[in-house]
Amino acid sequence: MGTKINLENIQTLTDFKRNAKEYVERVKATKLPLVLTVNGKAEVVVQEARAFQELLDQLEHLEEEVHQLKLETLRREIGIGIEQLENGQYTEHDEKSLEAFFDGIKVRGRQKLAQKSTL
């Protein structure tokens, strides 16, 4: 997904205003977005309407796929949990041992964060 904006399609807003018709025609013909800058900073993207709609449709499709994958993973994990319970593969905790269990999770989480921040 690391798609970058083509640096050749970056123009100033001022130039776009002066030559709007030409830029719109180019965007329609190439289907490539045009980035407009204000004071040297990218501020606005102009894109052909159908290309934008295709992008939205792709995003919606990907969101649906991710949702389905999450549901499938959750169902699989719940199934594994049920199977482990039925086979006696679990640990019962009292208040003290449960507190220690969560403390261990916190420590491991902090260690992972520390490792990521040093990379």
C-alpha atoms as a PDB file:
ATOM      1  CA  MET A   1       0.000   0.000   0.000  1.00  0.00           C
ATOM      2  CA  GLY A   2       2.988   2.341  -0.051  1.00  0.00           C
ATOM      3  CA  THR A   3       1.717   4.281  -3.072  1.00  0.00           C
ATOM      4  CA  LYS A   4       3.289   7.717  -3.274  1.00  0.00           C
ATOM      5  CA  ILE A   5       2.075  10.786  -5.077  1.00  0.00           C
ATOM      6  CA  ASN A   6       3.911  11.445  -8.342  1.00  0.00           C
ATOM      7  CA  LEU A   7       6.082  14.507  -7.775  1.00  0.00           C
ATOM      8  CA  GLU A   8       5.388  15.637 -11.335  1.00  0.00           C
ATOM      9  CA  ASN A   9       1.738  16.132 -10.371  1.00  0.00           C
ATOM     10  CA  ILE A  10       2.375  18.810  -7.770  1.00  0.00           C
ATOM     11  CA  GLN A  11       1.497  22.407  -8.605  1.00  0.00           C
ATOM     12  CA  THR A  12       0.896  25.615  -6.734  1.00  0.00           C
ATOM     13  CA  LEU A  13      -2.666  26.632  -6.021  1.00  0.00           C
ATOM     14  CA  THR A  14      -1.911  29.972  -7.690  1.00  0.00           C
ATOM     15  CA  ASP A  15      -0.826  28.266 -10.929  1.00  0.00           C
ATOM     16  CA  PHE A  16      -3.848  25.965 -10.762  1.00  0.00           C
ATOM     17  CA  LYS A  17      -6.161  28.987 -10.499  1.00  0.00           C
ATOM     18  CA  ARG A  18      -4.498  30.618 -13.501  1.00  0.00           C
ATOM     19  CA  ASN A  19      -4.657  27.444 -15.617  1.00  0.00           C
ATOM     20  CA  ALA A  20      -7.550  25.539 -14.042  1.00  0.00           C
ATOM     21  CA  LYS A  21      -9.084  24.379 -17.307  1.00  0.00           C
ATOM     22  CA  GLU A  22      -5.803  22.839 -18.544  1.00  0.00           C
ATOM     23  CA  TYR A  23      -5.121  21.139 -15.213  1.00  0.00           C
ATOM     24  CA  VAL A  24      -8.646  19.732 -15.003  1.00  0.00           C
ATOM     25  CA  GLU A  25      -8.336  18.366 -18.532  1.00  0.00           C
ATOM     26  CA  ARG A  26      -4.976  16.764 -17.652  1.00  0.00           C
ATOM     27  CA  VAL A  27      -6.406  15.186 -14.482  1.00  0.00           C
ATOM     28  CA  LYS A  28      -9.371  13.822 -16.451  1.00  0.00           C
ATOM     29  CA  ALA A  29      -7.128  12.463 -19.209  1.00  0.00           C
ATOM     30  CA  THR A  30      -4.481  10.857 -16.982  1.00  0.00           C
ATOM     31  CA  LYS A  31      -6.795   9.848 -14.102  1.00  0.00           C
ATOM     32  CA  LEU A  32      -3.888  10.843 -11.837  1.00  0.00           C
ATOM     33  CA  PRO A  33      -4.449  13.104  -8.825  1.00  0.00           C
ATOM     34  CA  LEU A  34      -2.954  16.587  -8.784  1.00  0.00           C
ATOM     35  CA  VAL A  35      -1.546  17.928  -5.525  1.00  0.00           C
ATOM     36  CA  LEU A  36      -1.883  21.651  -4.961  1.00  0.00           C
ATOM     37  CA  THR A  37       0.460  23.495  -2.655  1.00  0.00           C
ATOM     38  CA  VAL A  38      -0.005  26.634  -0.619  1.00  0.00           C
ATOM     39  CA  ASN A  39       3.190  28.316   0.588  1.00  0.00           C
ATOM     40  CA  GLY A  40       5.161  25.249  -0.490  1.00  0.00           C
ATOM     41  CA  LYS A  41       3.075  22.833   1.570  1.00  0.00           C
ATOM     42  CA  ALA A  42       0.770  20.196   0.046  1.00  0.00           C
ATOM     43  CA  GLU A  43      -2.778  21.236   0.962  1.00  0.00           C
ATOM     44  CA  VAL A  44      -5.307  19.907  -1.567  1.00  0.00           C
ATOM     45  CA  VAL A  45      -5.649  16.981  -3.957  1.00  0.00           C
ATOM     46  CA  VAL A  46      -7.682  17.310  -7.155  1.00  0.00           C
ATOM     47  CA  GLN A  47      -8.785  13.995  -8.602  1.00  0.00           C
ATOM     48  CA  GLU A  48     -11.005  12.834 -11.441  1.00  0.00           C
ATOM     49  CA  ALA A  49     -14.419  11.892 -10.017  1.00  0.00           C
ATOM     50  CA  ARG A  50     -14.576   8.309 -11.347  1.00  0.00           C
ATOM     51  CA  ALA A  51     -11.025   7.561 -10.182  1.00  0.00           C
ATOM     52  CA  PHE A  52     -11.950   8.909  -6.745  1.00  0.00           C
ATOM     53  CA  GLN A  53     -15.090   6.745  -6.644  1.00  0.00           C
ATOM     54  CA  GLU A  54     -13.021   3.685  -7.615  1.00  0.00           C
ATOM     55  CA  LEU A  55     -10.662   4.474  -4.754  1.00  0.00           C
ATOM     56  CA  LEU A  56     -13.594   4.717  -2.328  1.00  0.00           C
ATOM     57  CA  ASP A  57     -15.023   1.442  -3.647  1.00  0.00           C
ATOM     58  CA  GLN A  58     -11.652  -0.296  -3.189  1.00  0.00           C
ATOM     59  CA  LEU A  59     -11.386   1.049   0.355  1.00  0.00           C
ATOM     60  CA  GLU A  60     -14.890  -0.169   1.195  1.00  0.00           C
ATOM     61  CA  HIS A  61     -14.100  -3.601  -0.246  1.00  0.00           C
ATOM     62  CA  LEU A  62     -10.868  -3.829   1.761  1.00  0.00           C
ATOM     63  CA  GLU A  63     -12.673  -2.784   4.944  1.00  0.00           C
ATOM     64  CA  GLU A  64     -15.225  -5.571   4.366  1.00  0.00           C
ATOM     65  CA  GLU A  65     -12.416  -8.093   3.794  1.00  0.00           C
ATOM     66  CA  VAL A  66     -10.645  -7.023   6.992  1.00  0.00           C
ATOM     67  CA  HIS A  67     -13.913  -7.305   8.922  1.00  0.00           C
ATOM     68  CA  GLN A  68     -14.473 -10.844   7.596  1.00  0.00           C
ATOM     69  CA  LEU A  69     -10.894 -11.852   8.429  1.00  0.00           C
ATOM     70  CA  LYS A  70     -11.315 -10.518  11.965  1.00  0.00           C
ATOM     71  CA  LEU A  71     -14.551 -12.495  12.393  1.00  0.00           C
ATOM     72  CA  GLU A  72     -12.952 -15.685  11.042  1.00  0.00           C
ATOM     73  CA  THR A  73      -9.959 -15.249  13.350  1.00  0.00           C
ATOM     74  CA  LEU A  74     -12.207 -14.604  16.346  1.00  0.00           C
ATOM     75  CA  ARG A  75     -14.301 -17.694  15.579  1.00  0.00           C
ATOM     76  CA  ARG A  76     -11.148 -19.788  15.220  1.00  0.00           C
ATOM     77  CA  GLU A  77      -9.691 -18.462  18.498  1.00  0.00           C
ATOM     78  CA  ILE A  78     -12.981 -19.072  20.333  1.00  0.00           C
ATOM     79  CA  GLY A  79     -13.045 -22.613  18.917  1.00  0.00           C
ATOM     80  CA  ILE A  80      -9.502 -23.226  20.177  1.00  0.00           C
ATOM     81  CA  GLY A  81     -10.498 -21.859  23.581  1.00  0.00           C
ATOM     82  CA  ILE A  82     -13.534 -24.128  23.789  1.00  0.00           C
ATOM     83  CA  GLU A  83     -11.448 -27.129  22.754  1.00  0.00           C
ATOM     84  CA  GLN A  84      -8.843 -26.308  25.411  1.00  0.00           C
ATOM     85  CA  LEU A  85     -11.540 -25.982  28.063  1.00  0.00           C
ATOM     86  CA  GLU A  86     -13.070 -29.319  27.077  1.00  0.00           C
ATOM     87  CA  ASN A  87      -9.613 -30.961  27.243  1.00  0.00           C
ATOM     88  CA  GLY A  88      -8.830 -29.448  30.624  1.00  0.00           C
ATOM     89  CA  GLN A  89      -6.083 -27.224  29.214  1.00  0.00           C
ATOM     90  CA  TYR A  90      -6.701 -24.192  31.376  1.00  0.00           C
ATOM     91  CA  THR A  91      -5.569 -22.601  34.609  1.00  0.00           C
ATOM     92  CA  GLU A  92      -7.920 -21.461  37.320  1.00  0.00           C
ATOM     93  CA  HIS A  93      -6.948 -18.220  39.029  1.00  0.00           C
ATOM     94  CA  ASP A  94      -7.846 -16.734  42.356  1.00  0.00           C
ATOM     95  CA  GLU A  95      -7.695 -13.003  43.033  1.00  0.00           C
ATOM     96  CA  LYS A  96      -3.953 -12.997  43.823  1.00  0.00           C
ATOM     97  CA  SER A  97      -2.840 -15.175  40.949  1.00  0.00           C
ATOM     98  CA  LEU A  98      -5.033 -13.227  38.513  1.00  0.00           C
ATOM     99  CA  GLU A  99      -3.445  -9.965  39.663  1.00  0.00           C
ATOM    100  CA  ALA A 100       0.022 -11.463  39.150  1.00  0.00           C
ATOM    101  CA  PHE A 101      -1.025 -12.723  35.723  1.00  0.00           C
ATOM    102  CA  PHE A 102      -2.115  -9.220  34.634  1.00  0.00           C
ATOM    103  CA  ASP A 103       1.019  -7.670  36.117  1.00  0.00           C
ATOM    104  CA  GLY A 104       3.080 -10.046  33.968  1.00  0.00           C
ATOM    105  CA  ILE A 105       1.168  -8.954  30.875  1.00  0.00           C
ATOM    106  CA  LYS A 106       1.839  -5.293  31.727  1.00  0.00           C
ATOM    107  CA  VAL A 107       5.568  -5.942  32.193  1.00  0.00           C
ATOM    108  CA  ARG A 108       5.836  -7.782  28.865  1.00  0.00           C
ATOM    109  CA  GLY A 109       3.882  -5.000  27.148  1.00  0.00           C
ATOM    110  CA  ARG A 110       6.218  -2.333  28.534  1.00  0.00           C
ATOM    111  CA  GLN A 111       9.235  -4.371  27.445  1.00  0.00           C
ATOM    112  CA  LYS A 112       7.881  -4.659  23.892  1.00  0.00           C
ATOM    113  CA  LEU A 113       7.191  -0.912  23.783  1.00  0.00           C
ATOM    114  CA  ALA A 114      10.698  -0.192  24.995  1.00  0.00           C
ATOM    115  CA  GLN A 115      12.153  -2.499  22.332  1.00  0.00           C
ATOM    116  CA  LYS A 116      10.116  -0.808  19.589  1.00  0.00           C
ATOM    117  CA  SER A 117      11.159   2.674  20.683  1.00  0.00           C
ATOM    118  CA  THR A 118      14.848   1.740  20.534  1.00  0.00           C
ATOM    119  CA  LEU A 119      14.599   0.443  16.947  1.00  0.00           C
END
